[in-house]
Structure formats: C-alpha cells, structure tokens
Amino acid sequence: MDWKWIILKDVINRRMIFLQQNLETRDAVLQVLVESALQNGLISEQQPFLQAVLDRESNVPTAIGYQIAIPHGKSDAVKQPFIGFLQAKHDFVWTEGYEEEVKLVFLIGVPKENEQNIHLKFISRLSKKLLDDEFRTKLLESTDVEQTYQLLNSIY
C-alpha cells in the first residue's frame, strides 16, 4: 500500500476509542490499546509492536504536558497506520521517575517501512490541535464515543 496518501481521518477508528477507563499505569493503558489494535486487524502481532512502543518510551517518555501522552511505534507488525485514543478516569503518572501526569493517551502505530514519516505528520497535527484549550477540554470531558470520534476527525 502507498502510505503517502494516508490522511488522518483514515487512521482514526471508532473501535480504538476508549472513554472513562479506570486504568492507572502506562503499561495497563498500552495493553488495552495494543490488544484492541490486534483484535481490530491493525497489527498482526501484539508483542513486536508493544516492544517497539516501549523501546521508544525508554528513549524519551512521550508525556507532553497538558495531561497528554502520545506513545508511538514503528513495527513490521503494523498492517495499517492507526491512532488509538484512551481517556483515563483519573490522572496518573505516565513514567516512573518523572512527575508528568496524563489522562489522555494517543497511541500511534505505523509500519516500519515508513519513508514518509507519517507518524511525525500525525503527531504534528495532533500536537497543534491539542494546544487548543477548548479541544482538550472536550476530550477530557467526553463520555460519548461517536462524539469523540467526530472531535478527533476535526484535527485534519
């Protein structure tokens, strides 16, 4: 597939949106999102992709402030680019040893053969939109998957 034509709305999937989750660790959040990516046919194997995400986290934690983390991984296990979103019920420390707390997590998965660096384009668009206080507040307060899906699709 020619990934350079992928646009953001094509990578956001309703079945990859989780609201009001009672999770309090990075690993628990990643487990839910990665398992869902496998169940939804977005990745072929769970462990290689999860390892790619954890390897990236070990370089630099992906909590960016504003209660947000954007973990991401490039892996041969990724069948198609995707963004998973999880809203936790309560803030929690994303990475032990750092004080950054998160409540909104965006997991980005891209194929290893990613010449276009689509994950960087996604992160750039997402980051710009997340600077908008009103947008962030809507994500923090949302209790409806369809509403959240529409909100996330307003990014592109």
C-alpha atoms as a PDB file:
ATOM      1  CA  MET A   1       0.000   0.000   0.000  1.00  0.00           C
ATOM      2  CA  ASP A   2       1.180   3.531  -0.727  1.00  0.00           C
ATOM      3  CA  TRP A   3       1.177   5.150   2.725  1.00  0.00           C
ATOM      4  CA  LYS A   4       1.966   8.660   1.462  1.00  0.00           C
ATOM      5  CA  TRP A   5      -1.696   9.149   0.591  1.00  0.00           C
ATOM      6  CA  ILE A   6      -2.976   8.230   4.034  1.00  0.00           C
ATOM      7  CA  ILE A   7      -4.867  11.049   5.690  1.00  0.00           C
ATOM      8  CA  LEU A   8      -5.592  11.428   9.364  1.00  0.00           C
ATOM      9  CA  LYS A   9      -9.272  10.516   9.226  1.00  0.00           C
ATOM     10  CA  ASP A  10      -8.345   7.151   7.710  1.00  0.00           C
ATOM     11  CA  VAL A  11      -6.348   6.174  10.784  1.00  0.00           C
ATOM     12  CA  ILE A  12      -8.884   7.007  13.482  1.00  0.00           C
ATOM     13  CA  ASN A  13     -11.149   4.052  14.207  1.00  0.00           C
ATOM     14  CA  ARG A  14     -14.217   4.158  16.477  1.00  0.00           C
ATOM     15  CA  ARG A  15     -13.266   0.751  17.901  1.00  0.00           C
ATOM     16  CA  MET A  16      -9.934   2.246  19.042  1.00  0.00           C
ATOM     17  CA  ILE A  17     -11.569   4.897  21.257  1.00  0.00           C
ATOM     18  CA  PHE A  18     -11.848   4.111  24.971  1.00  0.00           C
ATOM     19  CA  LEU A  19     -13.503   6.542  27.383  1.00  0.00           C
ATOM     20  CA  GLN A  20     -13.615   6.725  31.183  1.00  0.00           C
ATOM     21  CA  GLN A  21     -11.148   3.861  31.632  1.00  0.00           C
ATOM     22  CA  ASN A  22     -10.208   3.032  35.209  1.00  0.00           C
ATOM     23  CA  LEU A  23      -6.514   2.465  34.443  1.00  0.00           C
ATOM     24  CA  GLU A  24      -3.621   3.948  36.361  1.00  0.00           C
ATOM     25  CA  THR A  25      -0.404   2.822  34.673  1.00  0.00           C
ATOM     26  CA  ARG A  26       1.251   3.322  31.319  1.00  0.00           C
ATOM     27  CA  ASP A  27       1.571  -0.433  30.838  1.00  0.00           C
ATOM     28  CA  ALA A  28      -2.136  -1.065  31.538  1.00  0.00           C
ATOM     29  CA  VAL A  29      -3.153   1.628  29.044  1.00  0.00           C
ATOM     30  CA  LEU A  30      -0.774   0.318  26.381  1.00  0.00           C
ATOM     31  CA  GLN A  31      -2.045  -3.226  26.952  1.00  0.00           C
ATOM     32  CA  VAL A  32      -5.666  -2.183  26.281  1.00  0.00           C
ATOM     33  CA  LEU A  33      -4.785  -0.185  23.172  1.00  0.00           C
ATOM     34  CA  VAL A  34      -2.402  -2.772  21.696  1.00  0.00           C
ATOM     35  CA  GLU A  35      -4.834  -5.663  22.334  1.00  0.00           C
ATOM     36  CA  SER A  36      -7.558  -3.661  20.624  1.00  0.00           C
ATOM     37  CA  ALA A  37      -5.266  -2.944  17.653  1.00  0.00           C
ATOM     38  CA  LEU A  38      -4.715  -6.702  17.301  1.00  0.00           C
ATOM     39  CA  GLN A  39      -8.442  -7.510  17.615  1.00  0.00           C
ATOM     40  CA  ASN A  40      -9.264  -4.865  15.010  1.00  0.00           C
ATOM     41  CA  GLY A  41      -6.731  -6.210  12.499  1.00  0.00           C
ATOM     42  CA  LEU A  42      -4.481  -3.141  12.642  1.00  0.00           C
ATOM     43  CA  ILE A  43      -1.453  -5.152  13.761  1.00  0.00           C
ATOM     44  CA  SER A  44      -0.502  -8.756  13.032  1.00  0.00           C
ATOM     45  CA  GLU A  45       1.223  -9.442  16.353  1.00  0.00           C
ATOM     46  CA  GLN A  46       0.909  -7.810  19.732  1.00  0.00           C
ATOM     47  CA  GLN A  47       4.371  -8.295  21.256  1.00  0.00           C
ATOM     48  CA  PRO A  48       6.607  -6.856  18.486  1.00  0.00           C
ATOM     49  CA  PHE A  49       4.505  -3.707  18.247  1.00  0.00           C
ATOM     50  CA  LEU A  50       4.277  -3.272  22.023  1.00  0.00           C
ATOM     51  CA  GLN A  51       8.048  -3.705  22.233  1.00  0.00           C
ATOM     52  CA  ALA A  52       8.571  -1.018  19.577  1.00  0.00           C
ATOM     53  CA  VAL A  53       6.412   1.376  21.624  1.00  0.00           C
ATOM     54  CA  LEU A  54       8.225   0.534  24.874  1.00  0.00           C
ATOM     55  CA  ASP A  55      11.618   0.920  23.189  1.00  0.00           C
ATOM     56  CA  ARG A  56      10.571   4.381  22.033  1.00  0.00           C
ATOM     57  CA  GLU A  57       9.374   5.213  25.562  1.00  0.00           C
ATOM     58  CA  SER A  58      12.711   4.142  27.035  1.00  0.00           C
ATOM     59  CA  ASN A  59      14.483   6.744  24.858  1.00  0.00           C
ATOM     60  CA  VAL A  60      12.252   9.667  25.802  1.00  0.00           C
ATOM     61  CA  PRO A  61       8.898   9.398  27.621  1.00  0.00           C
ATOM     62  CA  THR A  62       6.048  10.584  25.430  1.00  0.00           C
ATOM     63  CA  ALA A  63       4.057  12.524  28.042  1.00  0.00           C
ATOM     64  CA  ILE A  64       3.985  16.018  26.543  1.00  0.00           C
ATOM     65  CA  GLY A  65       2.185  18.027  29.227  1.00  0.00           C
ATOM     66  CA  TYR A  66      -1.458  19.115  29.315  1.00  0.00           C
ATOM     67  CA  GLN A  67      -2.362  15.640  30.722  1.00  0.00           C
ATOM     68  CA  ILE A  68      -1.410  14.053  27.373  1.00  0.00           C
ATOM     69  CA  ALA A  69       0.852  11.219  26.255  1.00  0.00           C
ATOM     70  CA  ILE A  70       1.478  10.258  22.628  1.00  0.00           C
ATOM     71  CA  PRO A  71       3.240   6.891  22.652  1.00  0.00           C
ATOM     72  CA  HIS A  72       4.103   5.598  19.200  1.00  0.00           C
ATOM     73  CA  GLY A  73       5.884   2.778  17.499  1.00  0.00           C
ATOM     74  CA  LYS A  74       7.103   1.711  14.083  1.00  0.00           C
ATOM     75  CA  SER A  75       6.925  -2.010  13.511  1.00  0.00           C
ATOM     76  CA  ASP A  76       6.591  -4.618  10.785  1.00  0.00           C
ATOM     77  CA  ALA A  77       3.622  -5.875  12.819  1.00  0.00           C
ATOM     78  CA  VAL A  78       1.593  -2.766  11.867  1.00  0.00           C
ATOM     79  CA  LYS A  79      -0.672  -3.623   8.943  1.00  0.00           C
ATOM     80  CA  GLN A  80      -2.015  -0.098   8.521  1.00  0.00           C
ATOM     81  CA  PRO A  81      -1.354   3.209  10.284  1.00  0.00           C
ATOM     82  CA  PHE A  82      -3.667   3.911  13.197  1.00  0.00           C
ATOM     83  CA  ILE A  83      -4.320   6.134  16.171  1.00  0.00           C
ATOM     84  CA  GLY A  84      -5.867   4.685  19.309  1.00  0.00           C
ATOM     85  CA  PHE A  85      -7.274   7.002  21.965  1.00  0.00           C
ATOM     86  CA  LEU A  86      -7.829   6.297  25.638  1.00  0.00           C
ATOM     87  CA  GLN A  87      -9.279   8.681  28.192  1.00  0.00           C
ATOM     88  CA  ALA A  88      -8.497   7.619  31.768  1.00  0.00           C
ATOM     89  CA  LYS A  89     -10.910   8.370  34.602  1.00  0.00           C
ATOM     90  CA  HIS A  90      -8.119   9.850  36.697  1.00  0.00           C
ATOM     91  CA  ASP A  91      -4.711  11.408  36.081  1.00  0.00           C
ATOM     92  CA  PHE A  92      -1.785   9.061  36.644  1.00  0.00           C
ATOM     93  CA  VAL A  93       1.996   9.270  36.388  1.00  0.00           C
ATOM     94  CA  TRP A  94       2.969   8.175  32.869  1.00  0.00           C
ATOM     95  CA  THR A  95       6.607   7.285  33.550  1.00  0.00           C
ATOM     96  CA  GLU A  96       8.074   6.409  36.933  1.00  0.00           C
ATOM     97  CA  GLY A  97      10.734   8.901  37.921  1.00  0.00           C
ATOM     98  CA  TYR A  98       9.000  11.729  36.047  1.00  0.00           C
ATOM     99  CA  GLU A  99       6.207  13.782  37.505  1.00  0.00           C
ATOM    100  CA  GLU A 100       4.205  14.223  34.295  1.00  0.00           C
ATOM    101  CA  GLU A 101       0.636  13.009  34.822  1.00  0.00           C
ATOM    102  CA  VAL A 102      -1.664  12.065  31.974  1.00  0.00           C
ATOM    103  CA  LYS A 103      -5.319  11.416  31.374  1.00  0.00           C
ATOM    104  CA  LEU A 104      -5.451  11.411  27.558  1.00  0.00           C
ATOM    105  CA  VAL A 105      -3.368   8.874  25.632  1.00  0.00           C
ATOM    106  CA  PHE A 106      -2.986   8.692  21.855  1.00  0.00           C
ATOM    107  CA  LEU A 107      -1.251   5.532  20.629  1.00  0.00           C
ATOM    108  CA  ILE A 108       0.122   5.888  17.108  1.00  0.00           C
ATOM    109  CA  GLY A 109       1.158   2.826  15.122  1.00  0.00           C
ATOM    110  CA  VAL A 110       2.905   2.955  11.763  1.00  0.00           C
ATOM    111  CA  PRO A 111       4.570   0.345   9.536  1.00  0.00           C
ATOM    112  CA  LYS A 112       8.332   0.071   9.852  1.00  0.00           C
ATOM    113  CA  GLU A 113       8.678   0.888   6.158  1.00  0.00           C
ATOM    114  CA  ASN A 114       7.547   4.439   6.661  1.00  0.00           C
ATOM    115  CA  GLU A 115       9.541   6.607   4.271  1.00  0.00           C
ATOM    116  CA  GLN A 116       7.026   9.411   4.550  1.00  0.00           C
ATOM    117  CA  ASN A 117       7.366   9.558   8.364  1.00  0.00           C
ATOM    118  CA  ILE A 118       3.585   9.596   8.662  1.00  0.00           C
ATOM    119  CA  HIS A 119       3.761   9.256  12.434  1.00  0.00           C
ATOM    120  CA  LEU A 120       5.581  12.590  12.615  1.00  0.00           C
ATOM    121  CA  LYS A 121       2.870  14.202  10.477  1.00  0.00           C
ATOM    122  CA  PHE A 122       0.163  12.734  12.727  1.00  0.00           C
ATOM    123  CA  ILE A 123       1.973  13.855  15.863  1.00  0.00           C
ATOM    124  CA  SER A 124       2.471  17.346  14.442  1.00  0.00           C
ATOM    125  CA  ARG A 125      -1.210  17.786  13.510  1.00  0.00           C
ATOM    126  CA  LEU A 126      -2.375  16.280  16.778  1.00  0.00           C
ATOM    127  CA  SER A 127       0.005  18.366  18.890  1.00  0.00           C
ATOM    128  CA  LYS A 128      -1.128  21.604  17.263  1.00  0.00           C
ATOM    129  CA  LYS A 129      -4.781  20.783  17.881  1.00  0.00           C
ATOM    130  CA  LEU A 130      -4.105  19.704  21.468  1.00  0.00           C
ATOM    131  CA  LEU A 131      -2.772  23.181  22.266  1.00  0.00           C
ATOM    132  CA  ASP A 132      -6.364  24.392  21.853  1.00  0.00           C
ATOM    133  CA  ASP A 133      -7.829  24.549  25.389  1.00  0.00           C
ATOM    134  CA  GLU A 134     -11.406  24.070  24.183  1.00  0.00           C
ATOM    135  CA  PHE A 135     -10.496  20.993  22.126  1.00  0.00           C
ATOM    136  CA  ARG A 136      -8.584  19.452  25.044  1.00  0.00           C
ATOM    137  CA  THR A 137     -11.419  20.161  27.476  1.00  0.00           C
ATOM    138  CA  LYS A 138     -13.906  18.454  25.157  1.00  0.00           C
ATOM    139  CA  LEU A 139     -11.653  15.376  25.012  1.00  0.00           C
ATOM    140  CA  LEU A 140     -11.237  15.356  28.793  1.00  0.00           C
ATOM    141  CA  GLU A 141     -14.984  15.605  29.390  1.00  0.00           C
ATOM    142  CA  SER A 142     -16.318  13.439  26.573  1.00  0.00           C
ATOM    143  CA  THR A 143     -18.452  10.451  27.520  1.00  0.00           C
ATOM    144  CA  ASP A 144     -19.636   9.525  24.023  1.00  0.00           C
ATOM    145  CA  VAL A 145     -17.510   7.518  21.570  1.00  0.00           C
ATOM    146  CA  GLU A 146     -19.218   8.920  18.465  1.00  0.00           C
ATOM    147  CA  GLN A 147     -18.785  12.499  19.687  1.00  0.00           C
ATOM    148  CA  THR A 148     -15.123  11.785  20.459  1.00  0.00           C
ATOM    149  CA  TYR A 149     -14.646  10.209  17.034  1.00  0.00           C
ATOM    150  CA  GLN A 150     -16.067  13.332  15.358  1.00  0.00           C
ATOM    151  CA  LEU A 151     -13.903  15.554  17.547  1.00  0.00           C
ATOM    152  CA  LEU A 152     -10.750  13.602  16.663  1.00  0.00           C
ATOM    153  CA  ASN A 153     -11.648  13.798  12.995  1.00  0.00           C
ATOM    154  CA  SER A 154     -11.773  17.583  13.248  1.00  0.00           C
ATOM    155  CA  ILE A 155      -7.975  17.517  13.545  1.00  0.00           C
ATOM    156  CA  TYR A 156      -7.224  17.159   9.834  1.00  0.00           C
END
